[in-house]
Amino acid sequence: MILSVVFDVGETLLDDSREFGAWADWIGVPRHTFSAVLGAVTAAGRDSSEAFAYFRPGFDLHLERRRREDAGVGESIEECDLYADVRPALSALREAGLWIGVAGNQTPRAAELLRKLNLPVDLIATSGEWGVAKPDPAFFRRVIEMAPGGSAEIVYVGDHRDNDILPARAAGLRTAAIRRGPWGHLWASDPALIEAADRRINSLSELPALLSQDRRMA
C-alpha cells in the first residue's frame, strides 16, 4: 500500500527555463546558444553542469552561484516557475491521505525559496541540506528515512532516468517517471526507464487516480 509520495524538483515541480536563462545571461551567451549546448550535453547522458565548461573552461558552479547572489541576481523560485498541475495534484494527493514530500538535487537556498511558496506538502529537503546528492544511494536512504512507510510504500516521482528512476528503484522505492523537460522527453521510451518505472505519466494530474487505484489493489 502506498503511504507516501516524494517529488523531485527541477522539471518535475519546477519549469527550469527561467533559471537556465538567468545562467546564460550571467555567463554572457545567448540563451538559445546555451540551451543548444545544454541539450547536447543532456543527449550525451552527462550532467547538465558540464554545459558551462564549453563557454568557460574550469567553470566553478558553486563559486559562480555565490557571485550571482552577491550581485543581487541569485537563485530565484517564484510561483510562475511551478508547472500548472503542481498545486492541484499535491492537494489532491494530500486529500487522499498520502504524506507528501519534496527532495531533489538543489541548494539550501532553493529549499528556503520552495518553503516560501507554501506548497501543500509535509516536508521539503534538498541535497544541499543533506550533504549528499542523487544518484548516490545515500540520498535515497534519506528519502526513506524522511517519509512514512517502508521503501515499497513510498513513490518517488522524477523526470531523470539516471538521477531519479533507476537509483530510486535500486533503493527499493516505487517510481513514477514524468515525461516533461529535456530529460523526461529524451528518455521517455528508454528501455531501462520503462522497466524501472512503475508508472509513466505526462502530467502530475494523473497521479491521484493512479495511486488511488494502487491503494485499492493493495
Protein backbone atom coordinates (compact mmCIF):
# COMPACT_ATOMS: atom_id res chain seq x y z
CA MET A 1 0.00 0.00 0.00
CA ILE A 2 1.33 3.45 -0.92
CA LEU A 3 1.69 5.75 2.11
CA SER A 4 3.99 8.49 0.81
CA VAL A 5 4.85 10.31 -2.40
CA VAL A 6 8.14 12.21 -2.72
CA PHE A 7 8.83 14.55 -5.63
CA ASP A 8 11.97 15.61 -7.44
CA VAL A 9 12.17 19.38 -8.03
CA GLY A 10 13.60 20.51 -11.38
CA GLU A 11 11.35 19.67 -14.35
CA THR A 12 9.05 17.72 -12.03
CA LEU A 13 7.64 20.56 -9.95
CA LEU A 14 9.54 23.48 -11.48
CA ASP A 15 10.00 24.62 -15.06
CA ASP A 16 13.73 25.39 -15.12
CA SER A 17 13.56 27.64 -18.19
CA ARG A 18 13.85 30.91 -16.29
CA GLU A 19 16.80 29.74 -14.18
CA PHE A 20 18.72 28.39 -17.17
CA GLY A 21 18.03 31.67 -18.95
CA ALA A 22 19.47 33.55 -15.98
CA TRP A 23 22.61 31.43 -16.16
CA ALA A 24 23.00 32.15 -19.87
CA ASP A 25 22.74 35.87 -19.13
CA TRP A 26 25.26 35.55 -16.30
CA ILE A 27 27.95 33.90 -18.43
CA GLY A 28 27.23 36.25 -21.34
CA VAL A 29 26.00 33.90 -24.04
CA PRO A 30 22.72 33.98 -25.99
CA ARG A 31 20.01 31.92 -24.32
CA HIS A 32 19.43 29.88 -27.46
CA THR A 33 23.15 29.02 -27.66
CA PHE A 34 23.26 27.94 -24.04
CA SER A 35 20.08 25.88 -24.50
CA ALA A 36 21.54 24.11 -27.54
CA VAL A 37 24.74 23.17 -25.73
CA LEU A 38 22.77 22.08 -22.68
CA GLY A 39 20.70 19.85 -24.97
CA ALA A 40 23.81 18.27 -26.46
CA VAL A 41 25.21 17.56 -23.00
CA THR A 42 21.88 16.09 -21.94
CA ALA A 43 21.65 13.88 -25.02
CA ALA A 44 25.11 12.53 -24.24
CA GLY A 45 23.86 11.43 -20.81
CA ARG A 46 26.13 13.85 -18.95
CA ASP A 47 25.39 16.17 -16.04
CA SER A 48 23.85 19.49 -17.08
CA SER A 49 26.50 21.42 -15.12
CA GLU A 50 29.08 20.31 -17.71
CA ALA A 51 27.50 22.66 -20.26
CA PHE A 52 29.14 25.64 -18.59
CA ALA A 53 32.65 24.38 -19.35
CA TYR A 54 32.07 24.83 -23.08
CA PHE A 55 31.80 28.56 -22.52
CA ARG A 56 34.11 28.94 -19.55
CA PRO A 57 36.71 26.19 -19.11
CA GLY A 58 37.24 25.46 -15.42
CA PHE A 59 33.85 26.94 -14.53
CA ASP A 60 33.20 26.66 -10.78
CA LEU A 61 29.43 26.36 -10.32
CA HIS A 62 29.48 26.87 -6.54
CA LEU A 63 31.66 29.98 -6.81
CA GLU A 64 29.51 31.46 -9.56
CA ARG A 65 26.37 30.84 -7.51
CA ARG A 66 27.88 32.92 -4.71
CA ARG A 67 28.86 35.65 -7.17
CA ARG A 68 25.32 35.78 -8.54
CA GLU A 69 23.95 36.12 -5.03
CA ASP A 70 26.43 38.89 -4.22
CA ALA A 71 25.43 40.69 -7.43
CA GLY A 72 21.74 40.55 -6.50
CA VAL A 73 20.78 38.20 -9.34
CA GLY A 74 20.93 34.95 -7.43
CA GLU A 75 18.76 31.87 -7.46
CA SER A 76 15.06 32.62 -7.69
CA ILE A 77 12.00 30.39 -7.43
CA GLU A 78 8.60 32.00 -7.84
CA GLU A 79 5.02 30.89 -8.30
CA CYS A 80 5.38 31.36 -12.06
CA ASP A 81 8.08 28.66 -12.13
CA LEU A 82 5.69 25.95 -10.92
CA TYR A 83 4.10 23.79 -13.58
CA ALA A 84 0.36 24.40 -13.69
CA ASP A 85 -0.51 20.91 -12.45
CA VAL A 86 1.61 21.08 -9.29
CA ARG A 87 -0.69 22.64 -6.70
CA PRO A 88 -3.84 20.77 -7.79
CA ALA A 89 -2.05 17.42 -7.85
CA LEU A 90 -0.32 17.89 -4.50
CA SER A 91 -3.58 18.99 -2.89
CA ALA A 92 -5.46 16.00 -4.31
CA LEU A 93 -2.81 13.58 -3.06
CA ARG A 94 -2.92 15.05 0.45
CA GLU A 95 -6.71 14.93 0.45
CA ALA A 96 -6.41 11.24 -0.40
CA GLY A 97 -4.48 10.75 2.85
CA LEU A 98 -0.97 10.46 1.43
CA TRP A 99 2.10 12.00 3.02
CA ILE A 100 3.80 14.34 0.52
CA GLY A 101 7.49 15.24 0.41
CA VAL A 102 9.90 17.07 -1.87
CA ALA A 103 13.55 16.02 -2.19
CA GLY A 104 15.82 16.97 -5.07
CA ASN A 105 19.32 17.98 -6.10
CA GLN A 106 19.01 21.61 -5.08
CA THR A 107 20.83 24.13 -2.94
CA PRO A 108 19.91 25.08 0.64
CA ARG A 109 18.77 28.41 -0.80
CA ALA A 110 16.37 26.58 -3.13
CA ALA A 111 14.89 24.79 -0.13
CA GLU A 112 14.21 28.16 1.54
CA LEU A 113 12.59 29.51 -1.62
CA LEU A 114 10.43 26.41 -2.06
CA ARG A 115 9.22 26.62 1.54
CA LYS A 116 8.18 30.23 0.99
CA LEU A 117 5.78 29.06 -1.73
CA ASN A 118 3.72 27.27 0.95
CA LEU A 119 3.13 24.21 -1.19
CA PRO A 120 0.66 21.62 0.18
CA VAL A 121 3.44 19.24 1.26
CA ASP A 122 4.61 17.81 4.57
CA LEU A 123 8.38 18.22 4.19
CA ILE A 124 10.91 19.78 1.79
CA ALA A 125 14.59 18.78 1.71
CA THR A 126 17.45 19.25 -0.73
CA SER A 127 20.78 17.63 -1.45
CA GLY A 128 22.50 20.83 -0.33
CA GLU A 129 20.94 20.46 3.11
CA TRP A 130 21.63 16.74 3.34
CA GLY A 131 25.19 16.88 2.02
CA VAL A 132 24.52 14.07 -0.45
CA ALA A 133 23.12 14.24 -3.97
CA LYS A 134 21.37 11.92 -6.41
CA PRO A 135 22.11 9.36 -7.71
CA ASP A 136 24.08 8.43 -4.57
CA PRO A 137 22.21 5.60 -2.78
CA ALA A 138 22.66 7.57 0.46
CA PHE A 139 20.30 10.23 -0.92
CA PHE A 140 17.53 7.69 -1.33
CA ARG A 141 18.21 6.28 2.12
CA ARG A 142 17.48 9.78 3.39
CA VAL A 143 14.26 9.80 1.37
CA ILE A 144 13.21 6.54 3.04
CA GLU A 145 14.07 7.98 6.45
CA MET A 146 12.05 11.16 5.85
CA ALA A 147 8.85 9.57 4.53
CA PRO A 148 6.39 7.35 6.42
CA GLY A 149 6.35 3.72 5.38
CA GLY A 150 8.84 1.20 4.12
CA SER A 151 10.61 1.67 0.80
CA ALA A 152 7.93 -0.24 -1.13
CA GLU A 153 5.28 2.06 0.35
CA ILE A 154 6.95 5.23 -0.98
CA VAL A 155 6.69 6.51 -4.56
CA TYR A 156 9.47 8.72 -5.90
CA VAL A 157 8.40 10.94 -8.81
CA GLY A 158 11.00 12.36 -11.19
CA ASP A 159 11.94 13.12 -14.77
CA HIS A 160 15.56 11.92 -14.90
CA ARG A 161 16.40 8.32 -15.74
CA ASP A 162 19.83 8.21 -14.09
CA ASN A 163 19.25 10.55 -11.15
CA ASP A 164 15.66 9.65 -10.28
CA ILE A 165 14.10 6.49 -11.64
CA LEU A 166 16.95 3.97 -11.75
CA PRO A 167 18.50 4.77 -8.34
CA ALA A 168 15.11 5.10 -6.65
CA ARG A 169 14.14 1.67 -7.94
CA ALA A 170 17.51 0.25 -6.83
CA ALA A 171 16.79 1.60 -3.34
CA GLY A 172 13.51 -0.34 -3.29
CA LEU A 173 11.19 2.62 -3.84
CA ARG A 174 8.22 2.62 -6.14
CA THR A 175 8.75 5.02 -9.05
CA ALA A 176 6.79 7.32 -11.36
CA ALA A 177 8.57 8.86 -14.36
CA ILE A 178 7.15 12.11 -15.68
CA ARG A 179 7.62 12.95 -19.35
CA ARG A 180 8.46 16.64 -19.41
CA GLY A 181 11.52 18.81 -19.57
CA PRO A 182 14.56 17.81 -21.65
CA TRP A 183 15.38 14.67 -19.68
CA GLY A 184 11.82 13.46 -19.41
CA HIS A 185 11.35 13.65 -23.15
CA LEU A 186 14.80 12.31 -24.00
CA TRP A 187 14.33 9.09 -22.03
CA ALA A 188 10.58 8.61 -22.33
CA SER A 189 11.00 5.50 -24.50
CA ASP A 190 14.24 4.27 -22.99
CA PRO A 191 14.01 0.52 -22.19
CA ALA A 192 15.81 0.86 -18.85
CA LEU A 193 13.46 3.61 -17.71
CA ILE A 194 10.38 1.70 -18.88
CA GLU A 195 11.49 -1.35 -16.91
CA ALA A 196 12.29 0.63 -13.75
CA ALA A 197 9.23 2.90 -13.69
CA ASP A 198 6.10 1.56 -12.02
CA ARG A 199 4.18 4.40 -13.61
CA ARG A 200 4.91 6.68 -16.58
CA ILE A 201 2.93 9.90 -16.69
CA ASN A 202 2.67 13.05 -18.79
CA SER A 203 1.24 15.20 -16.01
CA LEU A 204 1.16 15.16 -12.22
CA SER A 205 -2.62 15.37 -12.51
CA GLU A 206 -2.60 11.67 -13.44
CA LEU A 207 -1.09 10.61 -10.13
CA PRO A 208 -4.03 10.88 -7.70
CA ALA A 209 -6.21 8.47 -9.67
CA LEU A 210 -3.34 6.07 -10.39
CA LEU A 211 -2.18 5.92 -6.78
CA SER A 212 -5.74 5.59 -5.55
CA GLN A 213 -6.06 2.56 -7.81
CA ASP A 214 -2.81 1.13 -6.40
CA ARG A 215 -4.09 1.58 -2.85
CA ARG A 216 -7.35 -0.20 -3.62
CA MET A 217 -5.43 -3.13 -5.11
CA ALA A 218 -3.14 -3.43 -2.06
